[in-house]
């Protein structure tokens, strides 16, 4: 539950909220060097990231303005991680020699964004769990407004970070013209190949599972957070990720930076649908736990 705190004068609350946002961003950032130092051990790097985000979220439940400040802190944290990656890219450009010094390089590897997203998502999910279990009598209007502000503000930051990560990883850092494999326009063909290899080819379970599940779960956050943001237009939470996936696939075909595959598009869209269903499921679970007294979760 959210605990009562010391109320400050209205004039000082914006200053307090700004200071708390910086504190939360610093707490989340402070855990990243520890997580990055454990890369190679997935349980350790994810465990440290999740613990960092969860601890920051628990602290956010204490002060009255904690939720709003924590949402802004998540956004500052994510923006800082993007800035750190861009600064590394600029340093690489400055030190590069050869005919293509301006080519994008892997400054922000997949395992590092995984740690960043794990920390931010852990904080988000802790607030979701708190919202799920606190009693209906605590749903004062001020508390509801703070919770709604947290979900919407944090969702925007996480949504933008996920989109940046997808564009960076699948377009910018890949060499143009490197992929000569013809596109797949037959729905289901590559999906069946994934499962055939998983079931019949020894040693291919991990790689094929990553390809199959990765295409789903990379777009799960898009459907989840867009469903939170577009409460009155739920269809946008599926249409926008589907359009984004289609554009990504066509750009990979145009610049030959990846394999254009209609099955990737289908799996991406399915992931967005799962994200939408997760929002609906949380709302229904809240309704059950509150015995029908409170069916609103993200509002």
C-alpha atoms as a PDB file:
ATOM      1  CA  UNK A   1       0.000   0.000   0.000  1.00  0.00           C
ATOM      2  CA  UNK A   2       1.012   3.629  -0.384  1.00  0.00           C
ATOM      3  CA  UNK A   3       2.000   4.978   3.021  1.00  0.00           C
ATOM      4  CA  UNK A   4       1.247   8.530   4.189  1.00  0.00           C
ATOM      5  CA  UNK A   5       4.115  10.995   4.038  1.00  0.00           C
ATOM      6  CA  UNK A   6       4.880  14.475   5.175  1.00  0.00           C
ATOM      7  CA  UNK A   7       2.870  16.981   3.147  1.00  0.00           C
ATOM      8  CA  UNK A   8       4.815  19.991   1.951  1.00  0.00           C
ATOM      9  CA  UNK A   9       3.403  23.325   0.879  1.00  0.00           C
ATOM     10  CA  UNK A  10       1.973  23.427  -2.680  1.00  0.00           C
ATOM     11  CA  UNK A  11       4.741  25.795  -3.800  1.00  0.00           C
ATOM     12  CA  UNK A  12       7.435  23.321  -2.832  1.00  0.00           C
ATOM     13  CA  UNK A  13       5.833  20.182  -4.249  1.00  0.00           C
ATOM     14  CA  UNK A  14       7.100  20.653  -7.859  1.00  0.00           C
ATOM     15  CA  UNK A  15      10.629  21.101  -6.541  1.00  0.00           C
ATOM     16  CA  UNK A  16      10.285  17.996  -4.397  1.00  0.00           C
ATOM     17  CA  UNK A  17       8.886  16.004  -7.324  1.00  0.00           C
ATOM     18  CA  UNK A  18      11.776  17.076  -9.570  1.00  0.00           C
ATOM     19  CA  UNK A  19      14.329  16.157  -6.935  1.00  0.00           C
ATOM     20  CA  UNK A  20      12.673  12.777  -6.346  1.00  0.00           C
ATOM     21  CA  UNK A  21      12.643  12.079 -10.090  1.00  0.00           C
ATOM     22  CA  UNK A  22      16.395  12.650 -10.250  1.00  0.00           C
ATOM     23  CA  UNK A  23      16.898  10.435  -7.202  1.00  0.00           C
ATOM     24  CA  UNK A  24      14.921   7.571  -8.747  1.00  0.00           C
ATOM     25  CA  UNK A  25      16.764   7.943 -12.065  1.00  0.00           C
ATOM     26  CA  UNK A  26      20.076   7.862 -10.181  1.00  0.00           C
ATOM     27  CA  UNK A  27      19.022   4.750  -8.247  1.00  0.00           C
ATOM     28  CA  UNK A  28      18.100   2.912 -11.431  1.00  0.00           C
ATOM     29  CA  UNK A  29      21.301   4.042 -13.171  1.00  0.00           C
ATOM     30  CA  UNK A  30      23.468   3.054 -10.213  1.00  0.00           C
ATOM     31  CA  UNK A  31      22.501  -0.591 -10.625  1.00  0.00           C
ATOM     32  CA  UNK A  32      23.462  -0.772 -14.280  1.00  0.00           C
ATOM     33  CA  UNK A  33      27.265  -0.945 -13.874  1.00  0.00           C
ATOM     34  CA  UNK A  34      26.753  -3.899 -11.529  1.00  0.00           C
ATOM     35  CA  UNK A  35      24.428  -5.629 -14.012  1.00  0.00           C
ATOM     36  CA  UNK A  36      26.680  -4.856 -16.981  1.00  0.00           C
ATOM     37  CA  UNK A  37      29.593  -6.326 -15.049  1.00  0.00           C
ATOM     38  CA  UNK A  38      27.750  -9.654 -14.783  1.00  0.00           C
ATOM     39  CA  UNK A  39      27.106  -9.992 -18.530  1.00  0.00           C
ATOM     40  CA  UNK A  40      27.622 -13.627 -19.467  1.00  0.00           C
ATOM     41  CA  UNK A  41      25.607 -14.817 -16.484  1.00  0.00           C
ATOM     42  CA  UNK A  42      21.961 -14.211 -17.307  1.00  0.00           C
ATOM     43  CA  UNK A  43      20.611 -14.967 -13.786  1.00  0.00           C
ATOM     44  CA  UNK A  44      23.032 -12.509 -12.194  1.00  0.00           C
ATOM     45  CA  UNK A  45      22.622  -9.669 -14.666  1.00  0.00           C
ATOM     46  CA  UNK A  46      18.829  -9.975 -14.734  1.00  0.00           C
ATOM     47  CA  UNK A  47      18.627 -10.511 -10.987  1.00  0.00           C
ATOM     48  CA  UNK A  48      20.564  -7.323 -10.260  1.00  0.00           C
ATOM     49  CA  UNK A  49      18.490  -5.344 -12.772  1.00  0.00           C
ATOM     50  CA  UNK A  50      15.192  -6.619 -11.402  1.00  0.00           C
ATOM     51  CA  UNK A  51      16.252  -6.002  -7.813  1.00  0.00           C
ATOM     52  CA  UNK A  52      17.318  -2.452  -8.653  1.00  0.00           C
ATOM     53  CA  UNK A  53      14.005  -1.600 -10.312  1.00  0.00           C
ATOM     54  CA  UNK A  54      11.918  -3.261  -7.606  1.00  0.00           C
ATOM     55  CA  UNK A  55      13.784  -1.454  -4.808  1.00  0.00           C
ATOM     56  CA  UNK A  56      13.259   1.920  -6.475  1.00  0.00           C
ATOM     57  CA  UNK A  57       9.540   1.155  -6.917  1.00  0.00           C
ATOM     58  CA  UNK A  58       9.117   0.229  -3.262  1.00  0.00           C
ATOM     59  CA  UNK A  59      10.678   3.547  -2.273  1.00  0.00           C
ATOM     60  CA  UNK A  60       8.286   5.300  -4.659  1.00  0.00           C
ATOM     61  CA  UNK A  61       5.341   3.967  -2.631  1.00  0.00           C
ATOM     62  CA  UNK A  62       6.370   5.974   0.436  1.00  0.00           C
ATOM     63  CA  UNK A  63       6.047   9.735  -0.310  1.00  0.00           C
ATOM     64  CA  UNK A  64       2.774  11.280  -1.537  1.00  0.00           C
ATOM     65  CA  UNK A  65       4.327  12.405  -4.833  1.00  0.00           C
ATOM     66  CA  UNK A  66       6.365   9.240  -5.194  1.00  0.00           C
ATOM     67  CA  UNK A  67       4.423   7.704  -8.081  1.00  0.00           C
ATOM     68  CA  UNK A  68       4.600  10.743 -10.348  1.00  0.00           C
ATOM     69  CA  UNK A  69       8.258  11.245  -9.495  1.00  0.00           C
ATOM     70  CA  UNK A  70       9.081   7.590 -10.120  1.00  0.00           C
ATOM     71  CA  UNK A  71       7.442   7.700 -13.560  1.00  0.00           C
ATOM     72  CA  UNK A  72       9.538  10.724 -14.508  1.00  0.00           C
ATOM     73  CA  UNK A  73      12.576   8.987 -13.015  1.00  0.00           C
ATOM     74  CA  UNK A  74      12.027   5.956 -15.251  1.00  0.00           C
ATOM     75  CA  UNK A  75      11.849   8.223 -18.299  1.00  0.00           C
ATOM     76  CA  UNK A  76      15.012  10.086 -17.245  1.00  0.00           C
ATOM     77  CA  UNK A  77      16.776   6.774 -16.693  1.00  0.00           C
ATOM     78  CA  UNK A  78      15.831   5.454 -20.132  1.00  0.00           C
ATOM     79  CA  UNK A  79      16.776   8.734 -21.812  1.00  0.00           C
ATOM     80  CA  UNK A  80      20.108   8.655 -19.997  1.00  0.00           C
ATOM     81  CA  UNK A  81      20.832   5.141 -21.238  1.00  0.00           C
ATOM     82  CA  UNK A  82      20.061   6.191 -24.832  1.00  0.00           C
ATOM     83  CA  UNK A  83      22.303   9.239 -24.392  1.00  0.00           C
ATOM     84  CA  UNK A  84      25.086   7.041 -23.040  1.00  0.00           C
ATOM     85  CA  UNK A  85      24.844   4.778 -26.096  1.00  0.00           C
ATOM     86  CA  UNK A  86      24.850   7.750 -28.472  1.00  0.00           C
ATOM     87  CA  UNK A  87      27.873   9.240 -26.730  1.00  0.00           C
ATOM     88  CA  UNK A  88      29.709   5.950 -27.229  1.00  0.00           C
ATOM     89  CA  UNK A  89      28.740   5.995 -30.895  1.00  0.00           C
ATOM     90  CA  UNK A  90      30.077   9.532 -31.330  1.00  0.00           C
ATOM     91  CA  UNK A  91      33.368   8.513 -29.679  1.00  0.00           C
ATOM     92  CA  UNK A  92      33.574   5.529 -32.054  1.00  0.00           C
ATOM     93  CA  UNK A  93      32.995   7.802 -35.050  1.00  0.00           C
ATOM     94  CA  UNK A  94      35.675  10.203 -33.851  1.00  0.00           C
ATOM     95  CA  UNK A  95      38.216   7.392 -33.498  1.00  0.00           C
ATOM     96  CA  UNK A  96      37.244   5.446 -36.632  1.00  0.00           C
ATOM     97  CA  UNK A  97      39.495   5.110 -39.662  1.00  0.00           C
ATOM     98  CA  UNK A  98      38.753   3.745 -43.100  1.00  0.00           C
ATOM     99  CA  UNK A  99      36.292   4.385 -45.914  1.00  0.00           C
ATOM    100  CA  UNK A 100      33.104   4.188 -43.785  1.00  0.00           C
ATOM    101  CA  UNK A 101      33.810   6.005 -40.516  1.00  0.00           C
ATOM    102  CA  UNK A 102      30.159   7.016 -40.092  1.00  0.00           C
ATOM    103  CA  UNK A 103      28.752   3.507 -40.044  1.00  0.00           C
ATOM    104  CA  UNK A 104      26.710   2.711 -36.935  1.00  0.00           C
ATOM    105  CA  UNK A 105      28.411   0.282 -34.586  1.00  0.00           C
ATOM    106  CA  UNK A 106      27.183  -1.888 -31.733  1.00  0.00           C
ATOM    107  CA  UNK A 107      27.628   0.443 -28.777  1.00  0.00           C
ATOM    108  CA  UNK A 108      24.537  -0.798 -26.951  1.00  0.00           C
ATOM    109  CA  UNK A 109      24.570  -4.585 -27.150  1.00  0.00           C
ATOM    110  CA  UNK A 110      21.413  -6.619 -26.766  1.00  0.00           C
ATOM    111  CA  UNK A 111      22.346  -7.854 -23.302  1.00  0.00           C
ATOM    112  CA  UNK A 112      22.705  -4.301 -21.983  1.00  0.00           C
ATOM    113  CA  UNK A 113      19.305  -3.092 -23.209  1.00  0.00           C
ATOM    114  CA  UNK A 114      17.893  -6.253 -21.649  1.00  0.00           C
ATOM    115  CA  UNK A 115      19.251  -5.108 -18.275  1.00  0.00           C
ATOM    116  CA  UNK A 116      17.892  -1.590 -18.786  1.00  0.00           C
ATOM    117  CA  UNK A 117      14.429  -2.822 -19.760  1.00  0.00           C
ATOM    118  CA  UNK A 118      14.425  -5.357 -16.919  1.00  0.00           C
ATOM    119  CA  UNK A 119      15.098  -2.623 -14.336  1.00  0.00           C
ATOM    120  CA  UNK A 120      12.446  -0.282 -15.745  1.00  0.00           C
ATOM    121  CA  UNK A 121       9.878  -3.045 -16.210  1.00  0.00           C
ATOM    122  CA  UNK A 122      10.490  -4.396 -12.701  1.00  0.00           C
ATOM    123  CA  UNK A 123       9.649  -0.985 -11.271  1.00  0.00           C
ATOM    124  CA  UNK A 124       6.567  -0.736 -13.466  1.00  0.00           C
ATOM    125  CA  UNK A 125       5.339  -4.208 -12.482  1.00  0.00           C
ATOM    126  CA  UNK A 126       5.843  -3.582  -8.758  1.00  0.00           C
ATOM    127  CA  UNK A 127       3.524  -0.579  -9.020  1.00  0.00           C
ATOM    128  CA  UNK A 128       1.087  -2.767 -10.990  1.00  0.00           C
ATOM    129  CA  UNK A 129       1.118  -5.350  -8.203  1.00  0.00           C
ATOM    130  CA  UNK A 130       0.561  -2.658  -5.587  1.00  0.00           C
ATOM    131  CA  UNK A 131      -2.355  -1.307  -7.607  1.00  0.00           C
ATOM    132  CA  UNK A 132      -3.701  -4.826  -7.938  1.00  0.00           C
ATOM    133  CA  UNK A 133      -3.906  -5.601  -4.228  1.00  0.00           C
ATOM    134  CA  UNK A 134      -4.547  -2.374  -2.357  1.00  0.00           C
ATOM    135  CA  UNK A 135      -8.105  -2.211  -0.977  1.00  0.00           C
ATOM    136  CA  UNK A 136     -10.827  -0.262  -2.817  1.00  0.00           C
ATOM    137  CA  UNK A 137     -11.311   2.139   0.099  1.00  0.00           C
ATOM    138  CA  UNK A 138      -7.875   3.579  -0.651  1.00  0.00           C
ATOM    139  CA  UNK A 139      -8.961   4.645  -4.118  1.00  0.00           C
ATOM    140  CA  UNK A 140      -9.214   8.316  -3.302  1.00  0.00           C
ATOM    141  CA  UNK A 141      -9.324  10.696  -6.230  1.00  0.00           C
ATOM    142  CA  UNK A 142      -5.813  12.033  -5.499  1.00  0.00           C
ATOM    143  CA  UNK A 143      -4.398   8.522  -5.336  1.00  0.00           C
ATOM    144  CA  UNK A 144      -6.165   7.551  -8.551  1.00  0.00           C
ATOM    145  CA  UNK A 145      -4.781  10.606 -10.351  1.00  0.00           C
ATOM    146  CA  UNK A 146      -1.231   9.887  -9.165  1.00  0.00           C
ATOM    147  CA  UNK A 147      -1.484   6.241 -10.231  1.00  0.00           C
ATOM    148  CA  UNK A 148      -2.931   7.158 -13.628  1.00  0.00           C
ATOM    149  CA  UNK A 149      -0.164   9.732 -14.125  1.00  0.00           C
ATOM    150  CA  UNK A 150       2.458   7.102 -13.273  1.00  0.00           C
ATOM    151  CA  UNK A 151       1.142   4.524 -15.735  1.00  0.00           C
ATOM    152  CA  UNK A 152       0.803   6.976 -18.603  1.00  0.00           C
ATOM    153  CA  UNK A 153       4.131   8.765 -18.074  1.00  0.00           C
ATOM    154  CA  UNK A 154       6.151   5.582 -17.582  1.00  0.00           C
ATOM    155  CA  UNK A 155       4.378   3.899 -20.508  1.00  0.00           C
ATOM    156  CA  UNK A 156       5.451   6.693 -22.869  1.00  0.00           C
ATOM    157  CA  UNK A 157       9.115   6.328 -21.880  1.00  0.00           C
ATOM    158  CA  UNK A 158       9.129   2.546 -22.103  1.00  0.00           C
ATOM    159  CA  UNK A 159       7.299   2.638 -25.428  1.00  0.00           C
ATOM    160  CA  UNK A 160       9.771   5.083 -26.989  1.00  0.00           C
ATOM    161  CA  UNK A 161      12.762   3.164 -25.640  1.00  0.00           C
ATOM    162  CA  UNK A 162      11.452  -0.110 -27.117  1.00  0.00           C
ATOM    163  CA  UNK A 163      10.904   1.532 -30.523  1.00  0.00           C
ATOM    164  CA  UNK A 164      14.410   3.050 -30.475  1.00  0.00           C
ATOM    165  CA  UNK A 165      15.875  -0.325 -29.565  1.00  0.00           C
ATOM    166  CA  UNK A 166      14.068  -2.065 -32.437  1.00  0.00           C
ATOM    167  CA  UNK A 167      15.149   0.527 -35.024  1.00  0.00           C
ATOM    168  CA  UNK A 168      18.710   0.522 -33.699  1.00  0.00           C
ATOM    169  CA  UNK A 169      19.101  -3.246 -33.550  1.00  0.00           C
ATOM    170  CA  UNK A 170      17.361  -4.192 -36.786  1.00  0.00           C
ATOM    171  CA  UNK A 171      18.207  -1.298 -39.098  1.00  0.00           C
ATOM    172  CA  UNK A 172      20.921   1.135 -38.023  1.00  0.00           C
ATOM    173  CA  UNK A 173      23.689  -1.198 -36.916  1.00  0.00           C
ATOM    174  CA  UNK A 174      23.255  -3.699 -39.735  1.00  0.00           C
ATOM    175  CA  UNK A 175      25.361  -3.420 -42.865  1.00  0.00           C
ATOM    176  CA  UNK A 176      23.393  -2.340 -45.929  1.00  0.00           C
ATOM    177  CA  UNK A 177      23.358  -4.990 -48.670  1.00  0.00           C
ATOM    178  CA  UNK A 178      24.694  -7.732 -46.398  1.00  0.00           C
ATOM    179  CA  UNK A 179      21.621  -9.993 -46.666  1.00  0.00           C
ATOM    180  CA  UNK A 180      20.951 -11.609 -50.021  1.00  0.00           C
ATOM    181  CA  UNK A 181      18.336 -14.146 -48.846  1.00  0.00           C
ATOM    182  CA  UNK A 182      15.052 -13.767 -50.761  1.00  0.00           C
ATOM    183  CA  UNK A 183      12.001 -12.590 -48.802  1.00  0.00           C
ATOM    184  CA  UNK A 184       9.351 -14.976 -47.540  1.00  0.00           C
ATOM    185  CA  UNK A 185       5.797 -14.063 -48.564  1.00  0.00           C
ATOM    186  CA  UNK A 186       4.215 -17.407 -47.590  1.00  0.00           C
ATOM    187  CA  UNK A 187       2.459 -17.192 -44.192  1.00  0.00           C
ATOM    188  CA  UNK A 188       3.425 -19.982 -41.808  1.00  0.00           C
ATOM    189  CA  UNK A 189       6.366 -21.364 -43.778  1.00  0.00           C
ATOM    190  CA  UNK A 190       9.150 -20.042 -41.551  1.00  0.00           C
ATOM    191  CA  UNK A 191       7.119 -20.681 -38.395  1.00  0.00           C
ATOM    192  CA  UNK A 192       6.860 -24.339 -39.360  1.00  0.00           C
ATOM    193  CA  UNK A 193      10.608 -24.391 -40.041  1.00  0.00           C
ATOM    194  CA  UNK A 194      11.233 -23.033 -36.527  1.00  0.00           C
ATOM    195  CA  UNK A 195       9.229 -25.838 -34.958  1.00  0.00           C
ATOM    196  CA  UNK A 196      10.617 -28.493 -37.286  1.00  0.00           C
ATOM    197  CA  UNK A 197      14.161 -27.548 -36.326  1.00  0.00           C
ATOM    198  CA  UNK A 198      13.283 -27.395 -32.631  1.00  0.00           C
ATOM    199  CA  UNK A 199      11.817 -30.901 -32.731  1.00  0.00           C
ATOM    200  CA  UNK A 200      14.265 -32.619 -35.097  1.00  0.00           C
ATOM    201  CA  UNK A 201      17.624 -30.789 -35.189  1.00  0.00           C
ATOM    202  CA  UNK A 202      19.874 -31.469 -32.167  1.00  0.00           C
ATOM    203  CA  UNK A 203      21.330 -28.347 -30.576  1.00  0.00           C
ATOM    204  CA  UNK A 204      18.987 -25.931 -32.343  1.00  0.00           C
ATOM    205  CA  UNK A 205      16.430 -25.527 -29.559  1.00  0.00           C
ATOM    206  CA  UNK A 206      17.949 -22.383 -28.031  1.00  0.00           C
ATOM    207  CA  UNK A 207      18.585 -20.485 -31.266  1.00  0.00           C
ATOM    208  CA  UNK A 208      15.286 -21.348 -32.933  1.00  0.00           C
ATOM    209  CA  UNK A 209      13.355 -20.619 -29.729  1.00  0.00           C
ATOM    210  CA  UNK A 210      15.012 -17.217 -29.464  1.00  0.00           C
ATOM    211  CA  UNK A 211      14.010 -16.381 -33.033  1.00  0.00           C
ATOM    212  CA  UNK A 212      10.450 -17.586 -32.560  1.00  0.00           C
ATOM    213  CA  UNK A 213       9.750 -16.178 -29.085  1.00  0.00           C
ATOM    214  CA  UNK A 214      11.824 -13.044 -29.654  1.00  0.00           C
ATOM    215  CA  UNK A 215       9.582 -11.967 -32.526  1.00  0.00           C
ATOM    216  CA  UNK A 216       6.617 -12.233 -30.175  1.00  0.00           C
ATOM    217  CA  UNK A 217       7.991 -10.691 -27.002  1.00  0.00           C
ATOM    218  CA  UNK A 218       9.785  -7.790 -28.694  1.00  0.00           C
ATOM    219  CA  UNK A 219       6.366  -6.423 -29.634  1.00  0.00           C
ATOM    220  CA  UNK A 220       4.586  -7.393 -26.410  1.00  0.00           C
ATOM    221  CA  UNK A 221       5.572  -4.050 -24.761  1.00  0.00           C
ATOM    222  CA  UNK A 222       4.238  -2.096 -27.738  1.00  0.00           C
ATOM    223  CA  UNK A 223       0.767  -3.624 -27.426  1.00  0.00           C
ATOM    224  CA  UNK A 224       0.839  -3.377 -23.628  1.00  0.00           C
ATOM    225  CA  UNK A 225       1.828   0.268 -23.353  1.00  0.00           C
ATOM    226  CA  UNK A 226      -0.199   1.473 -26.332  1.00  0.00           C
ATOM    227  CA  UNK A 227      -3.281  -0.148 -24.782  1.00  0.00           C
ATOM    228  CA  UNK A 228      -2.615   1.863 -21.618  1.00  0.00           C
ATOM    229  CA  UNK A 229      -2.209   5.103 -23.558  1.00  0.00           C
ATOM    230  CA  UNK A 230      -5.131   4.661 -25.977  1.00  0.00           C
ATOM    231  CA  UNK A 231      -7.936   3.724 -23.626  1.00  0.00           C
ATOM    232  CA  UNK A 232     -10.721   4.786 -25.990  1.00  0.00           C
ATOM    233  CA  UNK A 233      -9.101   3.432 -29.163  1.00  0.00           C
ATOM    234  CA  UNK A 234      -7.911  -0.068 -28.185  1.00  0.00           C
ATOM    235  CA  UNK A 235      -7.577  -1.081 -31.820  1.00  0.00           C
ATOM    236  CA  UNK A 236      -4.602   1.279 -32.157  1.00  0.00           C
ATOM    237  CA  UNK A 237      -2.651  -0.960 -29.762  1.00  0.00           C
ATOM    238  CA  UNK A 238      -2.670  -3.633 -32.485  1.00  0.00           C
ATOM    239  CA  UNK A 239      -2.745  -1.572 -35.668  1.00  0.00           C
ATOM    240  CA  UNK A 240       0.226   0.661 -34.801  1.00  0.00           C
ATOM    241  CA  UNK A 241       2.618  -2.199 -33.857  1.00  0.00           C
ATOM    242  CA  UNK A 242       1.496  -4.115 -36.953  1.00  0.00           C
ATOM    243  CA  UNK A 243       2.207  -1.086 -39.152  1.00  0.00           C
ATOM    244  CA  UNK A 244       5.559  -0.557 -37.425  1.00  0.00           C
ATOM    245  CA  UNK A 245       6.510  -4.195 -38.022  1.00  0.00           C
ATOM    246  CA  UNK A 246       5.482  -3.985 -41.683  1.00  0.00           C
ATOM    247  CA  UNK A 247       7.603  -0.878 -42.229  1.00  0.00           C
ATOM    248  CA  UNK A 248      10.585  -2.521 -40.512  1.00  0.00           C
ATOM    249  CA  UNK A 249      10.300  -5.619 -42.703  1.00  0.00           C
ATOM    250  CA  UNK A 250      10.007  -3.564 -45.903  1.00  0.00           C
ATOM    251  CA  UNK A 251      12.994  -1.409 -44.936  1.00  0.00           C
ATOM    252  CA  UNK A 252      15.045  -4.554 -44.349  1.00  0.00           C
ATOM    253  CA  UNK A 253      14.044  -5.685 -47.830  1.00  0.00           C
ATOM    254  CA  UNK A 254      14.832  -2.318 -49.429  1.00  0.00           C
ATOM    255  CA  UNK A 255      18.266  -1.935 -47.810  1.00  0.00           C
ATOM    256  CA  UNK A 256      19.005  -5.685 -47.514  1.00  0.00           C
ATOM    257  CA  UNK A 257      19.846  -5.366 -43.841  1.00  0.00           C
ATOM    258  CA  UNK A 258      17.803  -8.392 -42.806  1.00  0.00           C
ATOM    259  CA  UNK A 259      15.450 -11.125 -43.952  1.00  0.00           C
ATOM    260  CA  UNK A 260      12.054  -9.723 -44.934  1.00  0.00           C
ATOM    261  CA  UNK A 261       9.583 -12.299 -43.648  1.00  0.00           C
ATOM    262  CA  UNK A 262       5.793 -12.204 -43.477  1.00  0.00           C
ATOM    263  CA  UNK A 263       5.962 -14.633 -40.545  1.00  0.00           C
ATOM    264  CA  UNK A 264       7.995 -12.093 -38.559  1.00  0.00           C
ATOM    265  CA  UNK A 265       5.173  -9.635 -39.173  1.00  0.00           C
ATOM    266  CA  UNK A 266       2.572 -12.169 -37.992  1.00  0.00           C
ATOM    267  CA  UNK A 267       4.533 -13.038 -34.848  1.00  0.00           C
ATOM    268  CA  UNK A 268       5.160  -9.357 -34.081  1.00  0.00           C
ATOM    269  CA  UNK A 269       1.449  -8.605 -34.392  1.00  0.00           C
ATOM    270  CA  UNK A 270       0.613 -11.600 -32.201  1.00  0.00           C
ATOM    271  CA  UNK A 271       2.972 -10.222 -29.556  1.00  0.00           C
ATOM    272  CA  UNK A 272       1.142  -6.875 -29.634  1.00  0.00           C
ATOM    273  CA  UNK A 273      -2.183  -8.702 -29.229  1.00  0.00           C
ATOM    274  CA  UNK A 274      -0.790 -10.524 -26.183  1.00  0.00           C
ATOM    275  CA  UNK A 275       0.220  -7.156 -24.710  1.00  0.00           C
ATOM    276  CA  UNK A 276      -3.339  -5.895 -25.132  1.00  0.00           C
ATOM    277  CA  UNK A 277      -4.711  -9.037 -23.517  1.00  0.00           C
ATOM    278  CA  UNK A 278      -2.338  -8.606 -20.565  1.00  0.00           C
ATOM    279  CA  UNK A 279      -3.835  -5.171 -19.858  1.00  0.00           C
ATOM    280  CA  UNK A 280      -7.349  -6.634 -20.065  1.00  0.00           C
ATOM    281  CA  UNK A 281      -6.325  -9.499 -17.776  1.00  0.00           C
ATOM    282  CA  UNK A 282      -4.978  -7.132 -15.102  1.00  0.00           C
ATOM    283  CA  UNK A 283      -8.208  -5.161 -15.181  1.00  0.00           C
ATOM    284  CA  UNK A 284     -10.313  -8.303 -14.834  1.00  0.00           C
ATOM    285  CA  UNK A 285      -8.141  -9.605 -11.998  1.00  0.00           C
ATOM    286  CA  UNK A 286      -8.465  -6.291 -10.167  1.00  0.00           C
ATOM    287  CA  UNK A 287     -12.244  -6.523 -10.569  1.00  0.00           C
ATOM    288  CA  UNK A 288     -12.263 -10.014  -9.060  1.00  0.00           C
ATOM    289  CA  UNK A 289      -9.980  -9.117  -6.145  1.00  0.00           C
ATOM    290  CA  UNK A 290     -12.034  -6.047  -5.311  1.00  0.00           C
ATOM    291  CA  UNK A 291     -15.274  -8.052  -5.657  1.00  0.00           C
ATOM    292  CA  UNK A 292     -16.525  -5.740  -8.358  1.00  0.00           C
ATOM    293  CA  UNK A 293     -15.950  -2.558  -6.362  1.00  0.00           C
ATOM    294  CA  UNK A 294     -13.115  -1.337  -8.565  1.00  0.00           C
ATOM    295  CA  UNK A 295     -12.813  -2.488 -12.178  1.00  0.00           C
ATOM    296  CA  UNK A 296     -10.571   0.384 -13.273  1.00  0.00           C
ATOM    297  CA  UNK A 297      -6.859  -0.425 -13.235  1.00  0.00           C
ATOM    298  CA  UNK A 298      -4.951   2.013 -15.418  1.00  0.00           C
ATOM    299  CA  UNK A 299      -7.583   4.799 -15.243  1.00  0.00           C
END
